[in-house]
Amino acid sequence: MKNSQFSSHHRDKKGFTVLELMVGIVVFTLGFLGAYFLVDSASNASIRSRDEIIGANIMREQIELLKNLRDTNWVQFRSWNSIALAKSPTELDKTLQTNNYYIVTNNFNTNKTIHIEKLSSFSLSKEIITQEFQKINSPIRLYIDTLGRYSHECTNTNEKTNFASFVHITPLTTTNIQTATSIPVDRSYKVEVFFVSFNKGYRISSMSTIITDWKNQ
């Protein structure tokens, strides 16, 4: 009788130990997963913050490049919206054209300090942007050189990034209150710069301003 009670008690104790082990494993697994997701979330937040800072600087820089080009055109007695100082030899347009997308970037390796290139068959569609980004020598992709400078210039020494940027030029308009119609503002553009990060997904941000020929208005 005593042996039977001892055997039953021994089995209960052994079963309880296995149960404790299983609970411990579950608790450890949940704790590990929680810590992993916490670290991953913090890492993603850090990447987003870094990309936002880089994007803001690049967008501001491209706006300043367009303003500098306009100011240089004034000094050289050119049309305020001329791209003669920045366009490629194959570009037929002599001025910025509204309702078009452009690449605007510093040009560190030639006499032309600014490079402007019009994008064809382009839109704000996520699919179109992604397809354009994935092309070999994609014009919208940003590269970083050995001095840490970003540009759209693809060379053997420049390193690819997971960033893209482009500019959209549209007419600046005002609204007629009485007729509720849009009226174009003469010698003025609305400029919207877009920055896209493909780091761990797809994130697009933008910054806008107006550029005018205010000296001659």
Protein backbone atom coordinates (compact mmCIF):
# COMPACT_ATOMS: atom_id res chain seq x y z
CA MET A 1 0.00 0.00 0.00
CA LYS A 2 2.76 2.40 0.87
CA ASN A 3 4.69 1.47 -2.25
CA SER A 4 1.61 2.20 -4.38
CA GLN A 5 1.14 5.63 -2.80
CA PHE A 6 4.83 6.43 -3.27
CA SER A 7 4.71 5.41 -6.93
CA SER A 8 1.62 7.56 -7.57
CA HIS A 9 3.19 10.53 -5.81
CA HIS A 10 6.42 10.06 -7.81
CA ARG A 11 4.50 10.09 -11.10
CA ASP A 12 2.59 13.24 -10.13
CA LYS A 13 5.82 15.01 -9.24
CA LYS A 14 7.40 13.97 -12.53
CA GLY A 15 4.35 15.12 -14.53
CA PHE A 16 4.32 18.44 -12.75
CA THR A 17 8.00 18.96 -13.64
CA VAL A 18 7.30 18.37 -17.37
CA LEU A 19 4.41 20.83 -17.21
CA GLU A 20 6.66 23.42 -15.60
CA LEU A 21 9.21 22.86 -18.36
CA MET A 22 6.59 23.36 -21.07
CA VAL A 23 5.32 26.55 -19.45
CA GLY A 24 8.90 27.79 -19.14
CA ILE A 25 9.53 27.16 -22.83
CA VAL A 26 6.35 29.02 -23.80
CA VAL A 27 7.20 31.97 -21.56
CA PHE A 28 10.76 32.10 -22.91
CA THR A 29 9.53 31.91 -26.52
CA LEU A 30 7.01 34.69 -25.99
CA GLY A 31 9.63 36.81 -24.27
CA PHE A 32 12.14 36.22 -27.06
CA LEU A 33 9.59 37.05 -29.77
CA GLY A 34 8.53 40.16 -27.89
CA ALA A 35 12.13 41.32 -27.59
CA TYR A 36 12.76 40.54 -31.29
CA PHE A 37 9.73 42.51 -32.46
CA LEU A 38 10.67 45.38 -30.15
CA VAL A 39 14.21 45.52 -31.57
CA ASP A 40 12.90 45.17 -35.14
CA SER A 41 10.37 47.96 -34.57
CA ALA A 42 13.07 50.23 -33.13
CA SER A 43 15.34 49.41 -36.08
CA ASN A 44 12.60 50.24 -38.60
CA ALA A 45 11.84 53.51 -36.80
CA SER A 46 15.53 54.41 -36.91
CA ILE A 47 15.69 53.67 -40.65
CA ARG A 48 12.58 55.77 -41.30
CA SER A 49 13.97 58.69 -39.32
CA ARG A 50 17.30 58.51 -41.16
CA ASP A 51 15.56 58.33 -44.55
CA GLU A 52 13.31 61.28 -43.69
CA ILE A 53 16.33 63.44 -42.82
CA ILE A 54 18.16 62.44 -46.02
CA GLY A 55 15.01 63.00 -48.09
CA ALA A 56 14.32 66.44 -46.64
CA ASN A 57 17.88 67.57 -47.38
CA ILE A 58 17.77 66.24 -50.95
CA MET A 59 14.38 67.83 -51.68
CA ARG A 60 15.50 71.22 -50.34
CA GLU A 61 18.70 70.96 -52.37
CA GLN A 62 16.81 70.33 -55.60
CA ILE A 63 14.53 73.30 -55.00
CA GLU A 64 17.60 75.47 -54.43
CA LEU A 65 19.18 74.16 -57.65
CA LEU A 66 16.17 75.33 -59.65
CA LYS A 67 16.20 78.72 -57.95
CA ASN A 68 19.95 79.05 -58.57
CA LEU A 69 19.39 78.21 -62.25
CA ARG A 70 16.71 80.91 -62.51
CA ASP A 71 19.00 83.46 -60.83
CA THR A 72 21.88 82.54 -63.15
CA ASN A 73 19.57 82.96 -66.14
CA TRP A 74 18.77 86.49 -64.95
CA VAL A 75 22.45 87.35 -64.62
CA GLN A 76 23.19 86.02 -68.11
CA PHE A 77 20.12 87.70 -69.64
CA ARG A 78 18.43 84.44 -70.52
CA SER A 79 14.79 83.55 -70.16
CA TRP A 80 14.13 82.93 -66.46
CA ASN A 81 13.00 79.34 -67.11
CA SER A 82 15.75 78.43 -69.58
CA ILE A 83 17.46 75.07 -69.12
CA ALA A 84 20.26 75.76 -71.61
CA LEU A 85 22.83 75.71 -68.80
CA ALA A 86 21.65 72.35 -67.46
CA LYS A 87 20.09 70.24 -70.21
CA SER A 88 21.72 67.37 -72.04
CA PRO A 89 22.65 67.82 -75.72
CA THR A 90 19.79 65.54 -76.78
CA GLU A 91 17.13 67.57 -74.94
CA LEU A 92 15.06 69.55 -77.47
CA ASP A 93 13.20 71.80 -75.03
CA LYS A 94 14.89 75.10 -74.26
CA THR A 95 12.81 75.89 -71.18
CA LEU A 96 11.11 74.02 -68.37
CA GLN A 97 7.74 72.72 -69.54
CA THR A 98 4.74 72.44 -67.25
CA ASN A 99 3.02 69.15 -66.49
CA ASN A 100 6.29 67.28 -66.86
CA TYR A 101 8.56 65.30 -64.55
CA TYR A 102 12.28 66.05 -64.37
CA ILE A 103 15.49 64.87 -62.78
CA VAL A 104 17.29 67.82 -61.17
CA THR A 105 20.70 67.14 -59.69
CA ASN A 106 24.14 68.49 -58.97
CA ASN A 107 26.68 67.72 -61.68
CA PHE A 108 30.08 67.39 -60.03
CA ASN A 109 32.12 66.18 -63.01
CA THR A 110 31.49 68.68 -65.83
CA ASN A 111 31.44 72.41 -66.42
CA LYS A 112 27.65 72.39 -66.07
CA THR A 113 27.04 72.38 -62.32
CA ILE A 114 23.37 71.44 -62.69
CA HIS A 115 21.90 68.62 -64.72
CA ILE A 116 18.23 68.56 -65.77
CA GLU A 117 16.63 65.67 -67.62
CA LYS A 118 12.99 65.29 -68.60
CA LEU A 119 11.35 61.94 -67.81
CA SER A 120 9.15 60.43 -70.49
CA SER A 121 6.07 58.27 -69.85
CA PHE A 122 6.34 58.90 -66.13
CA SER A 123 3.70 59.38 -63.43
CA LEU A 124 3.18 59.26 -59.68
CA SER A 125 1.90 55.70 -59.90
CA LYS A 126 3.72 53.43 -57.44
CA GLU A 127 3.97 50.80 -60.17
CA ILE A 128 5.55 53.23 -62.67
CA ILE A 129 8.00 54.61 -60.09
CA THR A 130 9.04 51.10 -59.04
CA GLN A 131 9.49 49.96 -62.64
CA GLU A 132 11.59 53.03 -63.43
CA PHE A 133 13.68 52.53 -60.30
CA GLN A 134 14.45 48.91 -61.19
CA LYS A 135 15.84 49.76 -64.63
CA ILE A 136 19.57 49.45 -65.25
CA ASN A 137 21.09 52.94 -64.86
CA SER A 138 17.70 54.25 -63.75
CA PRO A 139 17.61 58.06 -64.05
CA ILE A 140 15.51 58.49 -60.91
CA ARG A 141 17.81 56.43 -58.65
CA LEU A 142 20.12 58.36 -56.35
CA TYR A 143 23.80 57.48 -56.03
CA ILE A 144 26.34 58.50 -53.42
CA ASP A 145 29.92 59.36 -54.30
CA THR A 146 33.14 58.86 -52.33
CA LEU A 147 32.65 62.26 -50.68
CA GLY A 148 29.17 61.37 -49.41
CA ARG A 149 27.34 63.53 -51.96
CA TYR A 150 24.05 62.39 -53.48
CA SER A 151 23.33 62.76 -57.18
CA HIS A 152 21.65 60.94 -60.07
CA GLU A 153 24.98 60.29 -61.75
CA CYS A 154 25.70 56.61 -62.35
CA THR A 155 29.45 56.01 -62.50
CA ASN A 156 31.85 53.21 -61.61
CA THR A 157 32.82 54.98 -58.38
CA ASN A 158 29.35 56.04 -57.24
CA GLU A 159 27.44 53.63 -55.03
CA LYS A 160 23.78 52.77 -55.60
CA THR A 161 21.28 53.72 -52.92
CA ASN A 162 17.71 52.62 -52.29
CA PHE A 163 16.53 56.19 -52.82
CA ALA A 164 14.91 57.91 -55.79
CA SER A 165 13.88 61.50 -56.45
CA PHE A 166 12.25 63.55 -59.18
CA VAL A 167 10.56 66.91 -59.73
CA HIS A 168 7.10 67.75 -61.06
CA ILE A 169 6.55 71.15 -62.71
CA THR A 170 2.96 72.40 -62.98
CA PRO A 171 1.38 75.79 -63.70
CA LEU A 172 0.80 78.01 -60.69
CA THR A 173 -2.87 78.90 -60.59
CA THR A 174 -5.20 81.08 -58.61
CA THR A 175 -8.97 80.76 -58.27
CA ASN A 176 -11.56 83.22 -59.51
CA ILE A 177 -13.93 83.42 -56.54
CA GLN A 178 -16.92 84.50 -58.63
CA THR A 179 -16.64 81.79 -61.27
CA ALA A 180 -14.72 79.18 -59.22
CA THR A 181 -12.35 78.66 -62.12
CA SER A 182 -8.57 78.32 -62.05
CA ILE A 183 -6.52 81.09 -63.61
CA PRO A 184 -2.86 80.48 -64.51
CA VAL A 185 -0.39 82.91 -62.94
CA ASP A 186 1.93 84.34 -65.58
CA ARG A 187 5.66 83.56 -65.34
CA SER A 188 5.20 81.20 -62.40
CA TYR A 189 5.59 77.51 -61.68
CA LYS A 190 4.52 75.24 -58.88
CA VAL A 191 7.44 72.92 -58.14
CA GLU A 192 6.93 69.69 -56.23
CA VAL A 193 9.92 67.51 -55.36
CA PHE A 194 9.40 63.84 -54.52
CA PHE A 195 11.68 61.52 -52.55
CA VAL A 196 11.14 57.77 -52.48
CA SER A 197 12.78 55.29 -50.11
CA PHE A 198 12.77 51.59 -50.99
CA ASN A 199 14.39 50.60 -47.69
CA LYS A 200 12.18 47.87 -46.19
CA GLY A 201 9.18 48.82 -48.29
CA TYR A 202 8.04 51.85 -50.24
CA ARG A 203 7.71 55.32 -48.73
CA ILE A 204 7.22 58.53 -50.71
CA SER A 205 7.37 62.10 -49.42
CA SER A 206 7.23 65.47 -51.11
CA MET A 207 8.07 69.13 -50.69
CA SER A 208 6.62 71.97 -52.77
CA THR A 209 7.32 75.61 -53.51
CA ILE A 210 6.71 78.18 -56.22
CA ILE A 211 9.30 79.65 -58.56
CA THR A 212 8.48 82.87 -60.37
CA ASP A 213 10.03 85.41 -62.66
CA TRP A 214 9.32 88.06 -60.03
CA LYS A 215 11.89 90.50 -61.42
CA ASN A 216 9.92 90.85 -64.63
CA GLN A 217 6.35 90.49 -63.42
